[in-house]
N, C-alpha and C. Protein backbone atom coordinates (compact mmCIF):
# COMPACT_ATOMS: atom_id res chain seq x y z
N UNK A 1 106.79 83.36 -186.34
CA UNK A 1 106.35 83.51 -187.71
C UNK A 1 107.05 82.44 -188.55
N UNK A 2 106.25 81.60 -189.21
CA UNK A 2 106.82 80.54 -190.02
C UNK A 2 106.63 80.87 -191.49
N UNK A 3 107.73 80.79 -192.21
CA UNK A 3 107.66 80.99 -193.65
C UNK A 3 107.50 79.66 -194.38
N UNK A 4 108.06 78.65 -193.81
CA UNK A 4 108.03 77.34 -194.44
C UNK A 4 107.23 76.39 -193.57
N UNK A 5 106.49 75.54 -194.23
CA UNK A 5 105.74 74.53 -193.48
C UNK A 5 106.15 73.16 -193.99
N UNK A 6 107.28 72.68 -193.50
CA UNK A 6 107.81 71.40 -193.96
C UNK A 6 107.04 70.22 -193.39
N UNK A 7 106.55 70.35 -192.22
CA UNK A 7 105.92 69.22 -191.55
C UNK A 7 104.46 69.03 -191.93
N UNK A 8 103.84 70.01 -192.53
CA UNK A 8 102.41 69.90 -192.85
C UNK A 8 102.20 69.16 -194.16
N UNK A 9 101.19 68.33 -194.17
CA UNK A 9 100.81 67.66 -195.40
C UNK A 9 99.76 68.50 -196.09
N UNK A 10 99.91 68.58 -197.37
CA UNK A 10 98.92 69.34 -198.14
C UNK A 10 97.71 68.46 -198.39
N UNK A 11 96.57 69.08 -198.29
CA UNK A 11 95.35 68.35 -198.57
C UNK A 11 95.08 68.43 -200.07
N UNK A 12 94.80 67.29 -200.65
CA UNK A 12 94.51 67.25 -202.07
C UNK A 12 93.01 67.35 -202.27
N UNK A 13 92.63 68.28 -203.13
CA UNK A 13 91.21 68.42 -203.43
C UNK A 13 90.95 67.76 -204.77
N UNK A 14 90.06 66.83 -204.76
CA UNK A 14 89.70 66.13 -205.98
C UNK A 14 88.46 66.77 -206.58
N UNK A 15 88.55 67.05 -207.85
CA UNK A 15 87.41 67.62 -208.54
C UNK A 15 86.91 66.62 -209.57
N UNK A 16 85.62 66.62 -209.77
CA UNK A 16 85.04 65.74 -210.77
C UNK A 16 85.39 66.28 -212.16
N UNK A 17 85.69 65.39 -213.09
CA UNK A 17 86.01 65.87 -214.44
C UNK A 17 84.78 66.52 -215.07
N UNK A 18 85.03 67.55 -215.81
CA UNK A 18 83.93 68.28 -216.46
C UNK A 18 83.58 67.56 -217.76
N UNK A 19 82.36 67.11 -217.82
CA UNK A 19 81.89 66.42 -219.00
C UNK A 19 80.76 67.25 -219.60
N UNK A 20 80.97 67.64 -220.84
CA UNK A 20 79.97 68.45 -221.52
C UNK A 20 79.06 67.57 -222.35
N UNK A 21 78.09 68.19 -222.99
CA UNK A 21 77.19 67.43 -223.84
C UNK A 21 77.94 66.90 -225.06
N UNK A 22 77.51 65.77 -225.57
CA UNK A 22 78.20 65.22 -226.75
C UNK A 22 78.04 66.15 -227.95
N UNK A 23 79.05 66.15 -228.79
CA UNK A 23 79.01 67.01 -229.97
C UNK A 23 78.02 66.44 -230.98
N UNK A 24 77.18 67.31 -231.50
CA UNK A 24 76.20 66.87 -232.49
C UNK A 24 76.74 67.18 -233.87
N UNK A 25 76.61 66.25 -234.78
CA UNK A 25 77.11 66.51 -236.14
C UNK A 25 76.24 67.55 -236.83
N UNK A 26 76.90 68.46 -237.51
CA UNK A 26 76.18 69.51 -238.23
C UNK A 26 76.43 69.31 -239.71
N UNK A 27 75.73 68.37 -240.27
CA UNK A 27 75.97 67.96 -241.64
C UNK A 27 75.60 69.05 -242.63
N UNK A 28 74.47 69.72 -242.41
CA UNK A 28 74.02 70.74 -243.36
C UNK A 28 75.03 71.87 -243.47
N UNK A 29 75.55 72.32 -242.34
CA UNK A 29 76.54 73.40 -242.36
C UNK A 29 77.82 72.94 -243.04
N UNK A 30 78.22 71.69 -242.81
CA UNK A 30 79.44 71.18 -243.44
C UNK A 30 79.29 71.10 -244.94
N UNK A 31 78.12 70.68 -245.42
CA UNK A 31 77.89 70.59 -246.86
C UNK A 31 77.93 71.98 -247.48
N UNK A 32 77.26 72.94 -246.85
CA UNK A 32 77.25 74.30 -247.39
C UNK A 32 78.65 74.89 -247.38
N UNK A 33 79.38 74.69 -246.30
CA UNK A 33 80.73 75.26 -246.23
C UNK A 33 81.66 74.56 -247.21
N UNK A 34 81.45 73.25 -247.44
CA UNK A 34 82.31 72.55 -248.39
C UNK A 34 82.05 73.02 -249.81
N UNK A 35 80.80 73.37 -250.13
CA UNK A 35 80.49 73.89 -251.46
C UNK A 35 81.14 75.25 -251.66
N UNK A 36 81.11 76.08 -250.62
CA UNK A 36 81.76 77.40 -250.70
C UNK A 36 83.26 77.21 -250.83
N UNK A 37 83.82 76.30 -250.06
CA UNK A 37 85.27 76.06 -250.13
C UNK A 37 85.65 75.53 -251.51
N UNK A 38 84.79 74.70 -252.11
CA UNK A 38 85.07 74.16 -253.43
C UNK A 38 85.10 75.29 -254.47
N UNK A 39 84.16 76.23 -254.35
CA UNK A 39 84.14 77.36 -255.28
C UNK A 39 85.39 78.22 -255.10
N UNK A 40 85.76 78.44 -253.84
CA UNK A 40 86.97 79.23 -253.56
C UNK A 40 88.21 78.53 -254.11
N UNK A 41 88.26 77.22 -253.94
CA UNK A 41 89.41 76.46 -254.44
C UNK A 41 89.49 76.52 -255.95
N UNK A 42 88.35 76.42 -256.61
CA UNK A 42 88.35 76.49 -258.07
C UNK A 42 88.82 77.86 -258.54
N UNK A 43 88.38 78.92 -257.85
CA UNK A 43 88.82 80.26 -258.22
C UNK A 43 90.33 80.41 -258.01
N UNK A 44 90.83 79.87 -256.92
CA UNK A 44 92.27 79.95 -256.65
C UNK A 44 93.06 79.15 -257.67
N UNK A 45 92.54 77.99 -258.05
CA UNK A 45 93.22 77.17 -259.06
C UNK A 45 93.26 77.90 -260.39
N UNK A 46 92.15 78.54 -260.77
CA UNK A 46 92.13 79.31 -262.01
C UNK A 46 93.15 80.44 -261.98
N UNK A 47 93.26 81.11 -260.83
CA UNK A 47 94.23 82.18 -260.68
C UNK A 47 95.65 81.64 -260.81
N UNK A 48 95.91 80.50 -260.19
CA UNK A 48 97.24 79.89 -260.29
C UNK A 48 97.56 79.48 -261.73
N UNK A 49 96.56 78.98 -262.45
CA UNK A 49 96.77 78.62 -263.85
C UNK A 49 97.15 79.85 -264.67
N UNK A 50 96.51 80.98 -264.37
CA UNK A 50 96.84 82.23 -265.07
C UNK A 50 98.27 82.64 -264.78
N UNK A 51 98.67 82.56 -263.51
CA UNK A 51 100.05 82.91 -263.15
C UNK A 51 101.05 81.99 -263.85
N UNK A 52 100.74 80.70 -263.90
CA UNK A 52 101.65 79.75 -264.56
C UNK A 52 101.77 80.08 -266.04
N UNK A 53 100.65 80.41 -266.68
CA UNK A 53 100.69 80.76 -268.10
C UNK A 53 101.54 82.01 -268.32
N UNK A 54 101.41 83.01 -267.43
CA UNK A 54 102.23 84.22 -267.54
C UNK A 54 103.71 83.88 -267.39
N UNK A 55 104.03 83.00 -266.45
CA UNK A 55 105.42 82.61 -266.25
C UNK A 55 105.97 81.88 -267.48
N UNK A 56 105.16 81.04 -268.09
CA UNK A 56 105.60 80.34 -269.30
C UNK A 56 105.91 81.34 -270.41
N UNK A 57 105.04 82.33 -270.57
CA UNK A 57 105.25 83.35 -271.60
C UNK A 57 106.53 84.13 -271.33
N UNK A 58 106.72 84.54 -270.08
CA UNK A 58 107.94 85.28 -269.73
C UNK A 58 109.17 84.41 -269.95
N UNK A 59 109.07 83.14 -269.64
CA UNK A 59 110.19 82.21 -269.84
C UNK A 59 110.55 82.12 -271.32
N UNK A 60 109.55 82.01 -272.18
CA UNK A 60 109.80 81.94 -273.62
C UNK A 60 110.47 83.22 -274.12
N UNK A 61 110.04 84.36 -273.62
CA UNK A 61 110.64 85.64 -274.01
C UNK A 61 112.10 85.68 -273.59
N UNK A 62 112.38 85.26 -272.35
CA UNK A 62 113.76 85.26 -271.86
C UNK A 62 114.64 84.30 -272.66
N UNK A 63 114.10 83.16 -273.01
CA UNK A 63 114.88 82.20 -273.81
C UNK A 63 115.24 82.79 -275.16
N UNK A 64 114.28 83.45 -275.80
CA UNK A 64 114.58 84.05 -277.11
C UNK A 64 115.62 85.17 -276.98
N UNK A 65 115.56 85.95 -275.91
CA UNK A 65 116.56 87.01 -275.70
C UNK A 65 117.94 86.40 -275.48
N UNK A 66 118.01 85.32 -274.71
CA UNK A 66 119.29 84.65 -274.47
C UNK A 66 119.86 84.12 -275.78
N UNK A 67 119.01 83.54 -276.62
CA UNK A 67 119.48 83.02 -277.90
C UNK A 67 120.04 84.14 -278.78
N UNK A 68 119.39 85.31 -278.78
CA UNK A 68 119.92 86.45 -279.55
C UNK A 68 121.26 86.90 -279.01
N UNK A 69 121.38 86.95 -277.68
CA UNK A 69 122.65 87.36 -277.06
C UNK A 69 123.75 86.37 -277.43
N UNK A 70 123.44 85.07 -277.41
CA UNK A 70 124.43 84.05 -277.78
C UNK A 70 124.89 84.25 -279.22
N UNK A 71 123.96 84.54 -280.13
CA UNK A 71 124.34 84.78 -281.53
C UNK A 71 125.23 86.01 -281.65
N UNK A 72 124.90 87.06 -280.90
CA UNK A 72 125.71 88.28 -280.94
C UNK A 72 127.12 88.01 -280.42
N UNK A 73 127.23 87.24 -279.34
CA UNK A 73 128.55 86.92 -278.78
C UNK A 73 129.37 86.11 -279.77
N UNK A 74 128.73 85.16 -280.46
CA UNK A 74 129.44 84.38 -281.48
C UNK A 74 129.93 85.27 -282.61
N UNK A 75 129.09 86.22 -283.06
CA UNK A 75 129.49 87.13 -284.12
C UNK A 75 130.66 88.00 -283.68
N UNK A 76 130.59 88.51 -282.45
CA UNK A 76 131.68 89.34 -281.93
C UNK A 76 132.96 88.51 -281.83
N UNK A 77 132.84 87.26 -281.40
CA UNK A 77 134.00 86.38 -281.29
C UNK A 77 134.61 86.14 -282.67
N UNK A 78 133.79 85.89 -283.68
CA UNK A 78 134.29 85.66 -285.04
C UNK A 78 134.99 86.90 -285.58
N UNK A 79 134.42 88.09 -285.32
CA UNK A 79 135.04 89.34 -285.78
C UNK A 79 136.38 89.53 -285.09
N UNK A 80 136.43 89.30 -283.77
CA UNK A 80 137.68 89.46 -283.02
C UNK A 80 138.72 88.44 -283.48
N UNK A 81 138.29 87.26 -283.84
CA UNK A 81 139.19 86.20 -284.28
C UNK A 81 139.82 86.56 -285.63
N UNK A 82 139.02 87.17 -286.53
CA UNK A 82 139.53 87.56 -287.85
C UNK A 82 140.55 88.69 -287.74
N UNK A 83 140.32 89.62 -286.82
CA UNK A 83 141.21 90.77 -286.68
C UNK A 83 142.51 90.39 -285.98
N UNK A 84 142.50 89.35 -285.22
CA UNK A 84 143.71 88.99 -284.47
C UNK A 84 144.71 88.25 -285.26
């Protein structure tokens, strides 16, 4: 019983490469899909613009709150300075 076959040469089987039919351009489908993609992109851009506008508004609110806090801290500092 042989487990190993060191002396035998393996036969190589050559297969012909598989060549399929050439790809046909599908221009009509590409145009239709590009129009749909363009509409989707425009909708996404509009949504992003809305998000950006919301962020700008929130940023302005935060800036005004920070300015009020800064004024309060200055007032507290002046009061503490007078009492000391």
